[in-house]
Amino acid sequence: MTESLWESEVVEEKQPDQPAEKPAEEQAGETNSLALSVDEFSALEERVLRAVDLVKRERQTRAAAEERVSQVEAQLREQAPVAEKLQKEVEVLRDERDQVRKRIEHLLAQLDALEL
């Protein structure tokens, strides 16, 4: 009797594990769900591809910008001594202008003294 009880319990435990037949309505619902999943997957795939393309373009743009920065820095290093030389030259010319102005003012003052 113990064996028969055990066998009936085993049979009862096996039954829930076996999949039951699904009605046609549920199968149709799963097909629609599957179709939506494929559509959703396609949309996701498209978004991922667009994101990858965007990242590629941004990397190319960044590389080009970094190249331009390198070129501009090189030009700046080349032109820095020239700019420094020109700045010194401007200072010298201003000093000369001030000296010429003072000499002209002195000469004008002497002319004014002669007219009196």
C-alpha atoms as a PDB file:
ATOM      1  CA  MET A   1       0.000   0.000   0.000  1.00  0.00           C
ATOM      2  CA  THR A   2       2.874   2.325   0.584  1.00  0.00           C
ATOM      3  CA  GLU A   3       4.049   1.861  -2.960  1.00  0.00           C
ATOM      4  CA  SER A   4       0.697   2.685  -4.453  1.00  0.00           C
ATOM      5  CA  LEU A   5       0.445   5.889  -2.413  1.00  0.00           C
ATOM      6  CA  TRP A   6       3.902   6.856  -3.506  1.00  0.00           C
ATOM      7  CA  GLU A   7       3.099   6.120  -7.155  1.00  0.00           C
ATOM      8  CA  SER A   8      -0.036   8.247  -7.053  1.00  0.00           C
ATOM      9  CA  GLU A   9       1.926  11.117  -5.556  1.00  0.00           C
ATOM     10  CA  VAL A  10       4.542  10.777  -8.273  1.00  0.00           C
ATOM     11  CA  VAL A  11       1.857  10.866 -10.943  1.00  0.00           C
ATOM     12  CA  GLU A  12       0.302  13.949  -9.366  1.00  0.00           C
ATOM     13  CA  GLU A  13       3.675  15.710  -9.193  1.00  0.00           C
ATOM     14  CA  LYS A  14       4.464  14.977 -12.839  1.00  0.00           C
ATOM     15  CA  GLN A  15       1.229  16.372 -14.164  1.00  0.00           C
ATOM     16  CA  PRO A  16       1.836  20.042 -13.211  1.00  0.00           C
ATOM     17  CA  ASP A  17       5.227  19.958 -14.972  1.00  0.00           C
ATOM     18  CA  GLN A  18       3.696  18.986 -18.291  1.00  0.00           C
ATOM     19  CA  PRO A  19       2.512  21.886 -20.383  1.00  0.00           C
ATOM     20  CA  ALA A  20      -1.203  21.972 -20.966  1.00  0.00           C
ATOM     21  CA  GLU A  21      -2.725  22.539 -24.366  1.00  0.00           C
ATOM     22  CA  LYS A  22      -3.294  26.237 -24.964  1.00  0.00           C
ATOM     23  CA  PRO A  23      -6.470  27.486 -26.509  1.00  0.00           C
ATOM     24  CA  ALA A  24      -6.260  28.947 -30.011  1.00  0.00           C
ATOM     25  CA  GLU A  25      -6.988  32.435 -28.639  1.00  0.00           C
ATOM     26  CA  GLU A  26      -3.924  32.334 -26.384  1.00  0.00           C
ATOM     27  CA  GLN A  27      -1.743  31.097 -29.262  1.00  0.00           C
ATOM     28  CA  ALA A  28      -2.976  33.947 -31.461  1.00  0.00           C
ATOM     29  CA  GLY A  29      -2.235  36.408 -28.646  1.00  0.00           C
ATOM     30  CA  GLU A  30       1.301  35.045 -28.364  1.00  0.00           C
ATOM     31  CA  THR A  31       1.766  35.406 -32.125  1.00  0.00           C
ATOM     32  CA  ASN A  32       0.710  39.054 -31.933  1.00  0.00           C
ATOM     33  CA  SER A  33       2.966  39.486 -28.928  1.00  0.00           C
ATOM     34  CA  LEU A  34       5.778  37.886 -30.870  1.00  0.00           C
ATOM     35  CA  ALA A  35       5.122  40.155 -33.845  1.00  0.00           C
ATOM     36  CA  LEU A  36       5.215  43.183 -31.574  1.00  0.00           C
ATOM     37  CA  SER A  37       8.421  41.903 -30.068  1.00  0.00           C
ATOM     38  CA  VAL A  38       9.974  41.627 -33.517  1.00  0.00           C
ATOM     39  CA  ASP A  39       8.798  45.150 -34.361  1.00  0.00           C
ATOM     40  CA  GLU A  40      10.094  46.438 -31.051  1.00  0.00           C
ATOM     41  CA  PHE A  41      13.375  44.630 -31.623  1.00  0.00           C
ATOM     42  CA  SER A  42      13.669  46.147 -35.087  1.00  0.00           C
ATOM     43  CA  ALA A  43      13.005  49.605 -33.663  1.00  0.00           C
ATOM     44  CA  LEU A  44      15.593  49.016 -30.959  1.00  0.00           C
ATOM     45  CA  GLU A  45      18.074  47.762 -33.525  1.00  0.00           C
ATOM     46  CA  GLU A  46      17.489  50.881 -35.626  1.00  0.00           C
ATOM     47  CA  ARG A  47      18.015  53.146 -32.610  1.00  0.00           C
ATOM     48  CA  VAL A  48      21.223  51.311 -31.695  1.00  0.00           C
ATOM     49  CA  LEU A  49      22.523  51.651 -35.262  1.00  0.00           C
ATOM     50  CA  ARG A  50      21.717  55.370 -35.246  1.00  0.00           C
ATOM     51  CA  ALA A  51      23.480  55.744 -31.892  1.00  0.00           C
ATOM     52  CA  VAL A  52      26.557  53.941 -33.223  1.00  0.00           C
ATOM     53  CA  ASP A  53      26.554  56.190 -36.304  1.00  0.00           C
ATOM     54  CA  LEU A  54      26.222  59.264 -34.114  1.00  0.00           C
ATOM     55  CA  VAL A  55      29.145  58.155 -31.926  1.00  0.00           C
ATOM     56  CA  LYS A  56      31.288  57.534 -35.030  1.00  0.00           C
ATOM     57  CA  ARG A  57      30.491  60.984 -36.432  1.00  0.00           C
ATOM     58  CA  GLU A  58      31.184  62.629 -33.074  1.00  0.00           C
ATOM     59  CA  ARG A  59      34.535  60.859 -32.804  1.00  0.00           C
ATOM     60  CA  GLN A  60      35.461  61.994 -36.310  1.00  0.00           C
ATOM     61  CA  THR A  61      34.420  65.546 -35.471  1.00  0.00           C
ATOM     62  CA  ARG A  62      36.419  65.439 -32.253  1.00  0.00           C
ATOM     63  CA  ALA A  63      39.499  64.113 -34.061  1.00  0.00           C
ATOM     64  CA  ALA A  64      39.205  66.883 -36.664  1.00  0.00           C
ATOM     65  CA  ALA A  65      38.812  69.506 -33.928  1.00  0.00           C
ATOM     66  CA  GLU A  66      41.846  68.165 -32.082  1.00  0.00           C
ATOM     67  CA  GLU A  67      43.852  68.316 -35.328  1.00  0.00           C
ATOM     68  CA  ARG A  68      42.802  71.955 -35.858  1.00  0.00           C
ATOM     69  CA  VAL A  69      43.773  72.767 -32.269  1.00  0.00           C
ATOM     70  CA  SER A  70      47.205  71.227 -32.842  1.00  0.00           C
ATOM     71  CA  GLN A  71      47.684  73.280 -35.993  1.00  0.00           C
ATOM     72  CA  VAL A  72      46.603  76.499 -34.280  1.00  0.00           C
ATOM     73  CA  GLU A  73      48.919  75.813 -31.325  1.00  0.00           C
ATOM     74  CA  ALA A  74      51.812  75.269 -33.745  1.00  0.00           C
ATOM     75  CA  GLN A  75      51.011  78.557 -35.503  1.00  0.00           C
ATOM     76  CA  LEU A  76      50.817  80.305 -32.143  1.00  0.00           C
ATOM     77  CA  ARG A  77      54.238  78.976 -31.138  1.00  0.00           C
ATOM     78  CA  GLU A  78      55.661  80.182 -34.468  1.00  0.00           C
ATOM     79  CA  GLN A  79      54.078  83.623 -34.221  1.00  0.00           C
ATOM     80  CA  ALA A  80      54.720  84.271 -30.514  1.00  0.00           C
ATOM     81  CA  PRO A  81      58.288  85.569 -31.079  1.00  0.00           C
ATOM     82  CA  VAL A  82      57.083  87.758 -33.965  1.00  0.00           C
ATOM     83  CA  ALA A  83      54.316  89.228 -31.801  1.00  0.00           C
ATOM     84  CA  GLU A  84      56.785  89.873 -28.986  1.00  0.00           C
ATOM     85  CA  LYS A  85      59.190  91.600 -31.388  1.00  0.00           C
ATOM     86  CA  LEU A  86      56.370  93.765 -32.778  1.00  0.00           C
ATOM     87  CA  GLN A  87      55.262  94.723 -29.276  1.00  0.00           C
ATOM     88  CA  LYS A  88      58.777  95.898 -28.423  1.00  0.00           C
ATOM     89  CA  GLU A  89      58.919  97.811 -31.689  1.00  0.00           C
ATOM     90  CA  VAL A  90      55.628  99.570 -30.877  1.00  0.00           C
ATOM     91  CA  GLU A  91      56.998 100.574 -27.464  1.00  0.00           C
ATOM     92  CA  VAL A  92      60.131 102.015 -29.095  1.00  0.00           C
ATOM     93  CA  LEU A  93      58.017 103.952 -31.630  1.00  0.00           C
ATOM     94  CA  ARG A  94      55.833 105.367 -28.834  1.00  0.00           C
ATOM     95  CA  ASP A  95      58.932 106.522 -26.971  1.00  0.00           C
ATOM     96  CA  GLU A  96      60.235 108.155 -30.150  1.00  0.00           C
ATOM     97  CA  ARG A  97      56.849 109.830 -30.732  1.00  0.00           C
ATOM     98  CA  ASP A  98      56.882 111.219 -27.192  1.00  0.00           C
ATOM     99  CA  GLN A  99      60.398 112.564 -27.720  1.00  0.00           C
ATOM    100  CA  VAL A 100      59.429 114.177 -31.047  1.00  0.00           C
ATOM    101  CA  ARG A 101      56.321 115.720 -29.404  1.00  0.00           C
ATOM    102  CA  LYS A 102      58.441 117.193 -26.624  1.00  0.00           C
ATOM    103  CA  ARG A 103      60.945 118.632 -29.120  1.00  0.00           C
ATOM    104  CA  ILE A 104      58.125 120.163 -31.205  1.00  0.00           C
ATOM    105  CA  GLU A 105      56.513 121.635 -28.079  1.00  0.00           C
ATOM    106  CA  HIS A 106      59.898 123.082 -27.117  1.00  0.00           C
ATOM    107  CA  LEU A 107      60.336 124.570 -30.606  1.00  0.00           C
ATOM    108  CA  LEU A 108      56.791 126.016 -30.535  1.00  0.00           C
ATOM    109  CA  ALA A 109      57.472 127.526 -27.146  1.00  0.00           C
ATOM    110  CA  GLN A 110      60.617 129.174 -28.534  1.00  0.00           C
ATOM    111  CA  LEU A 111      58.625 130.563 -31.517  1.00  0.00           C
ATOM    112  CA  ASP A 112      56.009 131.955 -29.164  1.00  0.00           C
ATOM    113  CA  ALA A 113      58.759 133.665 -27.149  1.00  0.00           C
ATOM    114  CA  LEU A 114      60.128 135.321 -30.314  1.00  0.00           C
ATOM    115  CA  GLU A 115      56.763 136.839 -31.229  1.00  0.00           C
ATOM    116  CA  LEU A 116      56.405 138.712 -28.007  1.00  0.00           C
END
